[in-house]
Amino acid sequence: MEQVLMFATILMPTITAVVEVIKRAFCLPKNVIPAISLGVGLIIGGLAYPFTDMDLILRLWAGGYAGLSGTGLFELVKKRNGFTKEK
């Protein structure tokens, strides 16, 4: 478990940056941003195989943790209206 948390800590700034680029590039509803962050975390965690000798499932857990922490876990259930960019 310590490996997963340490790896999530390393992945978190990268995932947060990628999600921020996505938010600025596309007009998305604000309530889907946590799901996008989770998806980006899973993808980056899964693709990080050259940087660690952890199993795939552990890398996916670390990516998921990092993705959820990038937006804040509480925002998954918080109702948010509006879009990331003004139309």
PDB file of N, CA and C in Angstrom:
ATOM      1  N   MET A   1       0.827  -1.199   0.000  1.00  0.00           N
ATOM      2  CA  MET A   1       0.000   0.000   0.000  1.00  0.00           C
ATOM      3  C   MET A   1       0.868   1.258   0.000  1.00  0.00           C
ATOM      4  N   GLU A   2       2.010   1.188   0.671  1.00  0.00           N
ATOM      5  CA  GLU A   2       2.890   2.349   0.700  1.00  0.00           C
ATOM      6  C   GLU A   2       3.382   2.698  -0.699  1.00  0.00           C
ATOM      7  N   GLN A   3       3.669   1.673  -1.512  1.00  0.00           N
ATOM      8  CA  GLN A   3       4.113   1.913  -2.885  1.00  0.00           C
ATOM      9  C   GLN A   3       3.033   2.644  -3.680  1.00  0.00           C
ATOM     10  N   VAL A   4       1.794   2.226  -3.507  1.00  0.00           N
ATOM     11  CA  VAL A   4       0.686   2.841  -4.239  1.00  0.00           C
ATOM     12  C   VAL A   4       0.557   4.310  -3.858  1.00  0.00           C
ATOM     13  N   LEU A   5       0.609   4.618  -2.578  1.00  0.00           N
ATOM     14  CA  LEU A   5       0.475   6.008  -2.132  1.00  0.00           C
ATOM     15  C   LEU A   5       1.655   6.864  -2.571  1.00  0.00           C
ATOM     16  N   MET A   6       2.855   6.296  -2.533  1.00  0.00           N
ATOM     17  CA  MET A   6       4.019   7.050  -2.990  1.00  0.00           C
ATOM     18  C   MET A   6       3.939   7.312  -4.486  1.00  0.00           C
ATOM     19  N   PHE A   7       3.523   6.317  -5.245  1.00  0.00           N
ATOM     20  CA  PHE A   7       3.400   6.484  -6.688  1.00  0.00           C
ATOM     21  C   PHE A   7       2.289   7.472  -7.026  1.00  0.00           C
ATOM     22  N   ALA A   8       1.186   7.442  -6.268  1.00  0.00           N
ATOM     23  CA  ALA A   8       0.098   8.405  -6.482  1.00  0.00           C
ATOM     24  C   ALA A   8       0.579   9.825  -6.215  1.00  0.00           C
ATOM     25  N   THR A   9       1.425   9.993  -5.215  1.00  0.00           N
ATOM     26  CA  THR A   9       1.968  11.315  -4.909  1.00  0.00           C
ATOM     27  C   THR A   9       2.825  11.833  -6.053  1.00  0.00           C
ATOM     28  N   ILE A  10       3.540  10.950  -6.702  1.00  0.00           N
ATOM     29  CA  ILE A  10       4.368  11.345  -7.833  1.00  0.00           C
ATOM     30  C   ILE A  10       3.512  11.663  -9.056  1.00  0.00           C
ATOM     31  N   LEU A  11       2.447  10.903  -9.264  1.00  0.00           N
ATOM     32  CA  LEU A  11       1.577  11.099 -10.434  1.00  0.00           C
ATOM     33  C   LEU A  11       0.674  12.322 -10.326  1.00  0.00           C
ATOM     34  N   MET A  12       0.326  12.732  -9.119  1.00  0.00           N
ATOM     35  CA  MET A  12      -0.685  13.770  -8.914  1.00  0.00           C
ATOM     36  C   MET A  12      -0.394  15.084  -9.647  1.00  0.00           C
ATOM     37  N   PRO A  13       0.804  15.656  -9.601  1.00  0.00           N
ATOM     38  CA  PRO A  13       1.011  16.918 -10.324  1.00  0.00           C
ATOM     39  C   PRO A  13       0.843  16.780 -11.837  1.00  0.00           C
ATOM     40  N   THR A  14       1.275  15.647 -12.373  1.00  0.00           N
ATOM     41  CA  THR A  14       1.131  15.422 -13.812  1.00  0.00           C
ATOM     42  C   THR A  14      -0.333  15.316 -14.207  1.00  0.00           C
ATOM     43  N   ILE A  15      -1.095  14.568 -13.454  1.00  0.00           N
ATOM     44  CA  ILE A  15      -2.513  14.389 -13.755  1.00  0.00           C
ATOM     45  C   ILE A  15      -3.266  15.704 -13.604  1.00  0.00           C
ATOM     46  N   THR A  16      -2.938  16.451 -12.572  1.00  0.00           N
ATOM     47  CA  THR A  16      -3.583  17.752 -12.368  1.00  0.00           C
ATOM     48  C   THR A  16      -3.290  18.689 -13.534  1.00  0.00           C
ATOM     49  N   ALA A  17      -2.062  18.682 -14.022  1.00  0.00           N
ATOM     50  CA  ALA A  17      -1.695  19.535 -15.155  1.00  0.00           C
ATOM     51  C   ALA A  17      -2.431  19.122 -16.425  1.00  0.00           C
ATOM     52  N   VAL A  18      -2.526  17.828 -16.687  1.00  0.00           N
ATOM     53  CA  VAL A  18      -3.218  17.354 -17.890  1.00  0.00           C
ATOM     54  C   VAL A  18      -4.704  17.707 -17.825  1.00  0.00           C
ATOM     55  N   VAL A  19      -5.314  17.540 -16.672  1.00  0.00           N
ATOM     56  CA  VAL A  19      -6.730  17.880 -16.525  1.00  0.00           C
ATOM     57  C   VAL A  19      -6.933  19.383 -16.708  1.00  0.00           C
ATOM     58  N   GLU A  20      -6.018  20.184 -16.205  1.00  0.00           N
ATOM     59  CA  GLU A  20      -6.127  21.636 -16.375  1.00  0.00           C
ATOM     60  C   GLU A  20      -6.028  22.025 -17.856  1.00  0.00           C
ATOM     61  N   VAL A  21      -5.169  21.372 -18.602  1.00  0.00           N
ATOM     62  CA  VAL A  21      -5.071  21.624 -20.047  1.00  0.00           C
ATOM     63  C   VAL A  21      -6.377  21.236 -20.736  1.00  0.00           C
ATOM     64  N   ILE A  22      -6.943  20.106 -20.354  1.00  0.00           N
ATOM     65  CA  ILE A  22      -8.217  19.671 -20.942  1.00  0.00           C
ATOM     66  C   ILE A  22      -9.317  20.673 -20.623  1.00  0.00           C
ATOM     67  N   LYS A  23      -9.357  21.157 -19.370  1.00  0.00           N
ATOM     68  CA  LYS A  23     -10.382  22.131 -18.984  1.00  0.00           C
ATOM     69  C   LYS A  23     -10.267  23.413 -19.786  1.00  0.00           C
ATOM     70  N   ARG A  24      -9.057  23.857 -20.058  1.00  0.00           N
ATOM     71  CA  ARG A  24      -8.878  25.108 -20.795  1.00  0.00           C
ATOM     72  C   ARG A  24      -9.063  24.933 -22.297  1.00  0.00           C
ATOM     73  N   ALA A  25      -8.868  23.723 -22.794  1.00  0.00           N
ATOM     74  CA  ALA A  25      -8.961  23.485 -24.231  1.00  0.00           C
ATOM     75  C   ALA A  25     -10.386  23.218 -24.705  1.00  0.00           C
ATOM     76  N   PHE A  26     -11.207  22.614 -23.879  1.00  0.00           N
ATOM     77  CA  PHE A  26     -12.542  22.206 -24.292  1.00  0.00           C
ATOM     78  C   PHE A  26     -13.597  22.811 -23.379  1.00  0.00           C
ATOM     79  N   CYS A  27     -14.758  23.061 -23.945  1.00  0.00           N
ATOM     80  CA  CYS A  27     -15.892  23.544 -23.166  1.00  0.00           C
ATOM     81  C   CYS A  27     -16.640  22.322 -22.637  1.00  0.00           C
ATOM     82  N   LEU A  28     -16.430  22.022 -21.380  1.00  0.00           N
ATOM     83  CA  LEU A  28     -17.010  20.837 -20.753  1.00  0.00           C
ATOM     84  C   LEU A  28     -17.880  21.238 -19.576  1.00  0.00           C
ATOM     85  N   PRO A  29     -18.932  20.483 -19.312  1.00  0.00           N
ATOM     86  CA  PRO A  29     -19.697  20.742 -18.082  1.00  0.00           C
ATOM     87  C   PRO A  29     -18.806  20.516 -16.861  1.00  0.00           C
ATOM     88  N   LYS A  30     -18.943  21.382 -15.876  1.00  0.00           N
ATOM     89  CA  LYS A  30     -18.083  21.287 -14.694  1.00  0.00           C
ATOM     90  C   LYS A  30     -18.298  20.007 -13.901  1.00  0.00           C
ATOM     91  N   ASN A  31     -19.485  19.429 -13.996  1.00  0.00           N
ATOM     92  CA  ASN A  31     -19.752  18.240 -13.196  1.00  0.00           C
ATOM     93  C   ASN A  31     -19.086  16.974 -13.749  1.00  0.00           C
ATOM     94  N   VAL A  32     -18.495  17.009 -14.940  1.00  0.00           N
ATOM     95  CA  VAL A  32     -17.802  15.838 -15.479  1.00  0.00           C
ATOM     96  C   VAL A  32     -16.291  15.902 -15.253  1.00  0.00           C
ATOM     97  N   ILE A  33     -15.787  17.010 -14.740  1.00  0.00           N
ATOM     98  CA  ILE A  33     -14.351  17.168 -14.533  1.00  0.00           C
ATOM     99  C   ILE A  33     -13.785  16.096 -13.587  1.00  0.00           C
ATOM    100  N   PRO A  34     -14.427  15.766 -12.460  1.00  0.00           N
ATOM    101  CA  PRO A  34     -13.875  14.691 -11.621  1.00  0.00           C
ATOM    102  C   PRO A  34     -13.784  13.344 -12.336  1.00  0.00           C
ATOM    103  N   ALA A  35     -14.759  13.029 -13.165  1.00  0.00           N
ATOM    104  CA  ALA A  35     -14.719  11.774 -13.911  1.00  0.00           C
ATOM    105  C   ALA A  35     -13.588  11.788 -14.940  1.00  0.00           C
ATOM    106  N   ILE A  36     -13.380  12.932 -15.574  1.00  0.00           N
ATOM    107  CA  ILE A  36     -12.273  13.060 -16.517  1.00  0.00           C
ATOM    108  C   ILE A  36     -10.951  12.919 -15.782  1.00  0.00           C
ATOM    109  N   SER A  37     -10.849  13.518 -14.618  1.00  0.00           N
ATOM    110  CA  SER A  37      -9.632  13.417 -13.818  1.00  0.00           C
ATOM    111  C   SER A  37      -9.362  11.970 -13.414  1.00  0.00           C
ATOM    112  N   LEU A  38     -10.385  11.250 -13.023  1.00  0.00           N
ATOM    113  CA  LEU A  38     -10.226   9.839 -12.689  1.00  0.00           C
ATOM    114  C   LEU A  38      -9.764   9.046 -13.908  1.00  0.00           C
ATOM    115  N   GLY A  39     -10.388   9.291 -15.054  1.00  0.00           N
ATOM    116  CA  GLY A  39      -9.998   8.594 -16.280  1.00  0.00           C
ATOM    117  C   GLY A  39      -8.567   8.889 -16.694  1.00  0.00           C
ATOM    118  N   VAL A  40      -8.170  10.155 -16.610  1.00  0.00           N
ATOM    119  CA  VAL A  40      -6.793  10.525 -16.944  1.00  0.00           C
ATOM    120  C   VAL A  40      -5.829   9.859 -15.967  1.00  0.00           C
ATOM    121  N   GLY A  41      -6.200   9.813 -14.689  1.00  0.00           N
ATOM    122  CA  GLY A  41      -5.362   9.154 -13.697  1.00  0.00           C
ATOM    123  C   GLY A  41      -5.178   7.676 -13.989  1.00  0.00           C
ATOM    124  N   LEU A  42      -6.251   7.008 -14.368  1.00  0.00           N
ATOM    125  CA  LEU A  42      -6.158   5.582 -14.697  1.00  0.00           C
ATOM    126  C   LEU A  42      -5.283   5.359 -15.929  1.00  0.00           C
ATOM    127  N   ILE A  43      -5.434   6.219 -16.927  1.00  0.00           N
ATOM    128  CA  ILE A  43      -4.641   6.079 -18.150  1.00  0.00           C
ATOM    129  C   ILE A  43      -3.158   6.314 -17.871  1.00  0.00           C
ATOM    130  N   ILE A  44      -2.848   7.400 -17.181  1.00  0.00           N
ATOM    131  CA  ILE A  44      -1.445   7.702 -16.892  1.00  0.00           C
ATOM    132  C   ILE A  44      -0.853   6.659 -15.952  1.00  0.00           C
ATOM    133  N   GLY A  45      -1.621   6.227 -14.977  1.00  0.00           N
ATOM    134  CA  GLY A  45      -1.140   5.172 -14.086  1.00  0.00           C
ATOM    135  C   GLY A  45      -0.869   3.873 -14.828  1.00  0.00           C
ATOM    136  N   GLY A  46      -1.733   3.536 -15.759  1.00  0.00           N
ATOM    137  CA  GLY A  46      -1.540   2.318 -16.546  1.00  0.00           C
ATOM    138  C   GLY A  46      -0.370   2.404 -17.503  1.00  0.00           C
ATOM    139  N   LEU A  47      -0.122   3.586 -18.043  1.00  0.00           N
ATOM    140  CA  LEU A  47       0.975   3.757 -18.996  1.00  0.00           C
ATOM    141  C   LEU A  47       2.330   3.985 -18.341  1.00  0.00           C
ATOM    142  N   ALA A  48       2.369   4.047 -17.029  1.00  0.00           N
ATOM    143  CA  ALA A  48       3.614   4.356 -16.319  1.00  0.00           C
ATOM    144  C   ALA A  48       4.465   3.111 -16.071  1.00  0.00           C
ATOM    145  N   TYR A  49       4.292   2.065 -16.850  1.00  0.00           N
ATOM    146  CA  TYR A  49       5.030   0.834 -16.600  1.00  0.00           C
ATOM    147  C   TYR A  49       6.548   0.972 -16.730  1.00  0.00           C
ATOM    148  N   PRO A  50       7.111   1.874 -17.555  1.00  0.00           N
ATOM    149  CA  PRO A  50       8.578   1.947 -17.609  1.00  0.00           C
ATOM    150  C   PRO A  50       9.191   2.552 -16.341  1.00  0.00           C
ATOM    151  N   PHE A  51       8.393   3.220 -15.534  1.00  0.00           N
ATOM    152  CA  PHE A  51       8.924   3.948 -14.384  1.00  0.00           C
ATOM    153  C   PHE A  51       8.819   3.187 -13.069  1.00  0.00           C
ATOM    154  N   THR A  52       8.173   2.040 -13.083  1.00  0.00           N
ATOM    155  CA  THR A  52       7.992   1.285 -11.845  1.00  0.00           C
ATOM    156  C   THR A  52       7.879  -0.197 -12.158  1.00  0.00           C
ATOM    157  N   ASP A  53       8.160  -1.013 -11.171  1.00  0.00           N
ATOM    158  CA  ASP A  53       8.009  -2.457 -11.343  1.00  0.00           C
ATOM    159  C   ASP A  53       6.741  -2.980 -10.674  1.00  0.00           C
ATOM    160  N   MET A  54       5.814  -2.078 -10.359  1.00  0.00           N
ATOM    161  CA  MET A  54       4.548  -2.474  -9.736  1.00  0.00           C
ATOM    162  C   MET A  54       3.656  -3.180 -10.751  1.00  0.00           C
ATOM    163  N   ASP A  55       2.756  -4.017 -10.245  1.00  0.00           N
ATOM    164  CA  ASP A  55       1.775  -4.678 -11.104  1.00  0.00           C
ATOM    165  C   ASP A  55       0.819  -3.651 -11.697  1.00  0.00           C
ATOM    166  N   LEU A  56       0.152  -4.030 -12.779  1.00  0.00           N
ATOM    167  CA  LEU A  56      -0.777  -3.134 -13.458  1.00  0.00           C
ATOM    168  C   LEU A  56      -1.887  -2.672 -12.528  1.00  0.00           C
ATOM    169  N   ILE A  57      -2.451  -3.560 -11.745  1.00  0.00           N
ATOM    170  CA  ILE A  57      -3.568  -3.184 -10.874  1.00  0.00           C
ATOM    171  C   ILE A  57      -3.131  -2.157  -9.835  1.00  0.00           C
ATOM    172  N   LEU A  58      -1.919  -2.269  -9.326  1.00  0.00           N
ATOM    173  CA  LEU A  58      -1.423  -1.298  -8.356  1.00  0.00           C
ATOM    174  C   LEU A  58      -1.187   0.060  -9.011  1.00  0.00           C
ATOM    175  N   ARG A  59      -0.691   0.052 -10.251  1.00  0.00           N
ATOM    176  CA  ARG A  59      -0.515   1.320 -10.973  1.00  0.00           C
ATOM    177  C   ARG A  59      -1.855   1.976 -11.255  1.00  0.00           C
ATOM    178  N   LEU A  60      -2.873   1.175 -11.563  1.00  0.00           N
ATOM    179  CA  LEU A  60      -4.204   1.733 -11.803  1.00  0.00           C
ATOM    180  C   LEU A  60      -4.787   2.320 -10.517  1.00  0.00           C
ATOM    181  N   TRP A  61      -4.578   1.639  -9.388  1.00  0.00           N
ATOM    182  CA  TRP A  61      -5.039   2.190  -8.103  1.00  0.00           C
ATOM    183  C   TRP A  61      -4.346   3.514  -7.819  1.00  0.00           C
ATOM    184  N   ALA A  62      -3.042   3.568  -8.033  1.00  0.00           N
ATOM    185  CA  ALA A  62      -2.301   4.806  -7.787  1.00  0.00           C
ATOM    186  C   ALA A  62      -2.791   5.918  -8.707  1.00  0.00           C
ATOM    187  N   GLY A  63      -3.026   5.608  -9.973  1.00  0.00           N
ATOM    188  CA  GLY A  63      -3.552   6.598 -10.909  1.00  0.00           C
ATOM    189  C   GLY A  63      -4.945   7.066 -10.527  1.00  0.00           C
ATOM    190  N   GLY A  64      -5.773   6.144 -10.065  1.00  0.00           N
ATOM    191  CA  GLY A  64      -7.107   6.515  -9.616  1.00  0.00           C
ATOM    192  C   GLY A  64      -7.078   7.422  -8.398  1.00  0.00           C
ATOM    193  N   TYR A  65      -6.244   7.076  -7.440  1.00  0.00           N
ATOM    194  CA  TYR A  65      -6.091   7.934  -6.251  1.00  0.00           C
ATOM    195  C   TYR A  65      -5.602   9.323  -6.643  1.00  0.00           C
ATOM    196  N   ALA A  66      -4.605   9.370  -7.503  1.00  0.00           N
ATOM    197  CA  ALA A  66      -4.049  10.662  -7.913  1.00  0.00           C
ATOM    198  C   ALA A  66      -5.077  11.472  -8.693  1.00  0.00           C
ATOM    199  N   GLY A  67      -5.857  10.816  -9.549  1.00  0.00           N
ATOM    200  CA  GLY A  67      -6.879  11.525 -10.310  1.00  0.00           C
ATOM    201  C   GLY A  67      -7.972  12.094  -9.426  1.00  0.00           C
ATOM    202  N   LEU A  68      -8.412  11.304  -8.459  1.00  0.00           N
ATOM    203  CA  LEU A  68      -9.452  11.784  -7.545  1.00  0.00           C
ATOM    204  C   LEU A  68      -8.934  12.886  -6.628  1.00  0.00           C
ATOM    205  N   SER A  69      -7.696  12.794  -6.234  1.00  0.00           N
ATOM    206  CA  SER A  69      -7.153  13.840  -5.372  1.00  0.00           C
ATOM    207  C   SER A  69      -6.869  15.112  -6.150  1.00  0.00           C
ATOM    208  N   GLY A  70      -6.700  15.004  -7.457  1.00  0.00           N
ATOM    209  CA  GLY A  70      -6.451  16.191  -8.274  1.00  0.00           C
ATOM    210  C   GLY A  70      -7.641  17.135  -8.313  1.00  0.00           C
ATOM    211  N   THR A  71      -8.838  16.620  -8.276  1.00  0.00           N
ATOM    212  CA  THR A  71     -10.021  17.481  -8.308  1.00  0.00           C
ATOM    213  C   THR A  71     -10.708  17.558  -6.965  1.00  0.00           C
ATOM    214  N   GLY A  72     -10.385  16.667  -6.107  1.00  0.00           N
ATOM    215  CA  GLY A  72     -11.057  16.628  -4.811  1.00  0.00           C
ATOM    216  C   GLY A  72     -12.168  15.595  -4.873  1.00  0.00           C
ATOM    217  N   LEU A  73     -12.081  14.620  -4.025  1.00  0.00           N
ATOM    218  CA  LEU A  73     -13.048  13.528  -4.021  1.00  0.00           C
ATOM    219  C   LEU A  73     -14.465  14.019  -3.770  1.00  0.00           C
ATOM    220  N   PHE A  74     -14.613  15.098  -2.991  1.00  0.00           N
ATOM    221  CA  PHE A  74     -15.951  15.587  -2.656  1.00  0.00           C
ATOM    222  C   PHE A  74     -16.690  16.123  -3.876  1.00  0.00           C
ATOM    223  N   GLU A  75     -15.973  16.505  -4.919  1.00  0.00           N
ATOM    224  CA  GLU A  75     -16.631  17.065  -6.099  1.00  0.00           C
ATOM    225  C   GLU A  75     -17.331  16.006  -6.939  1.00  0.00           C
ATOM    226  N   LEU A  76     -17.100  14.729  -6.647  1.00  0.00           N
ATOM    227  CA  LEU A  76     -17.824  13.688  -7.370  1.00  0.00           C
ATOM    228  C   LEU A  76     -19.317  13.735  -7.076  1.00  0.00           C
ATOM    229  N   VAL A  77     -19.667  14.133  -5.867  1.00  0.00           N
ATOM    230  CA  VAL A  77     -21.069  14.156  -5.488  1.00  0.00           C
ATOM    231  C   VAL A  77     -21.637  15.572  -5.402  1.00  0.00           C
ATOM    232  N   LYS A  78     -20.800  16.566  -5.509  1.00  0.00           N
ATOM    233  CA  LYS A  78     -21.249  17.950  -5.426  1.00  0.00           C
ATOM    234  C   LYS A  78     -21.883  18.366  -6.755  1.00  0.00           C
ATOM    235  N   LYS A  79     -23.025  18.978  -6.693  1.00  0.00           N
ATOM    236  CA  LYS A  79     -23.710  19.434  -7.905  1.00  0.00           C
ATOM    237  C   LYS A  79     -23.089  20.738  -8.358  1.00  0.00           C
ATOM    238  N   ARG A  80     -22.568  20.733  -9.569  1.00  0.00           N
ATOM    239  CA  ARG A  80     -21.938  21.926 -10.121  1.00  0.00           C
ATOM    240  C   ARG A  80     -22.583  22.230 -11.460  1.00  0.00           C
ATOM    241  N   ASN A  81     -22.949  23.466 -11.648  1.00  0.00           N
ATOM    242  CA  ASN A  81     -23.547  23.896 -12.904  1.00  0.00           C
ATOM    243  C   ASN A  81     -22.544  24.728 -13.681  1.00  0.00           C
ATOM    244  N   GLY A  82     -22.776  24.853 -14.969  1.00  0.00           N
ATOM    245  CA  GLY A  82     -21.933  25.693 -15.793  1.00  0.00           C
ATOM    246  C   GLY A  82     -20.929  24.875 -16.586  1.00  0.00           C
ATOM    247  N   PHE A  83     -20.074  25.592 -17.283  1.00  0.00           N
ATOM    248  CA  PHE A  83     -19.097  24.979 -18.156  1.00  0.00           C
ATOM    249  C   PHE A  83     -17.710  25.482 -17.791  1.00  0.00           C
ATOM    250  N   THR A  84     -16.672  24.778 -18.270  1.00  0.00           N
ATOM    251  CA  THR A  84     -15.316  25.163 -17.964  1.00  0.00           C
ATOM    252  C   THR A  84     -14.892  26.426 -18.709  1.00  0.00           C
ATOM    253  N   LYS A  85     -15.474  26.653 -19.865  1.00  0.00           N
ATOM    254  CA  LYS A  85     -15.200  27.847 -20.646  1.00  0.00           C
ATOM    255  C   LYS A  85     -16.532  28.519 -20.951  1.00  0.00           C
ATOM    256  N   GLU A  86     -16.519  29.818 -20.997  1.00  0.00           N
ATOM    257  CA  GLU A  86     -17.743  30.541 -21.330  1.00  0.00           C
ATOM    258  C   GLU A  86     -18.059  30.340 -22.799  1.00  0.00           C
ATOM    259  N   LYS A  87     -19.334  30.177 -23.089  1.00  0.00           N
ATOM    260  CA  LYS A  87     -19.746  29.963 -24.497  1.00  0.00           C
ATOM    261  C   LYS A  87     -19.854  31.272 -25.212  1.00  0.00           C
TER     262      LYS A  87
END
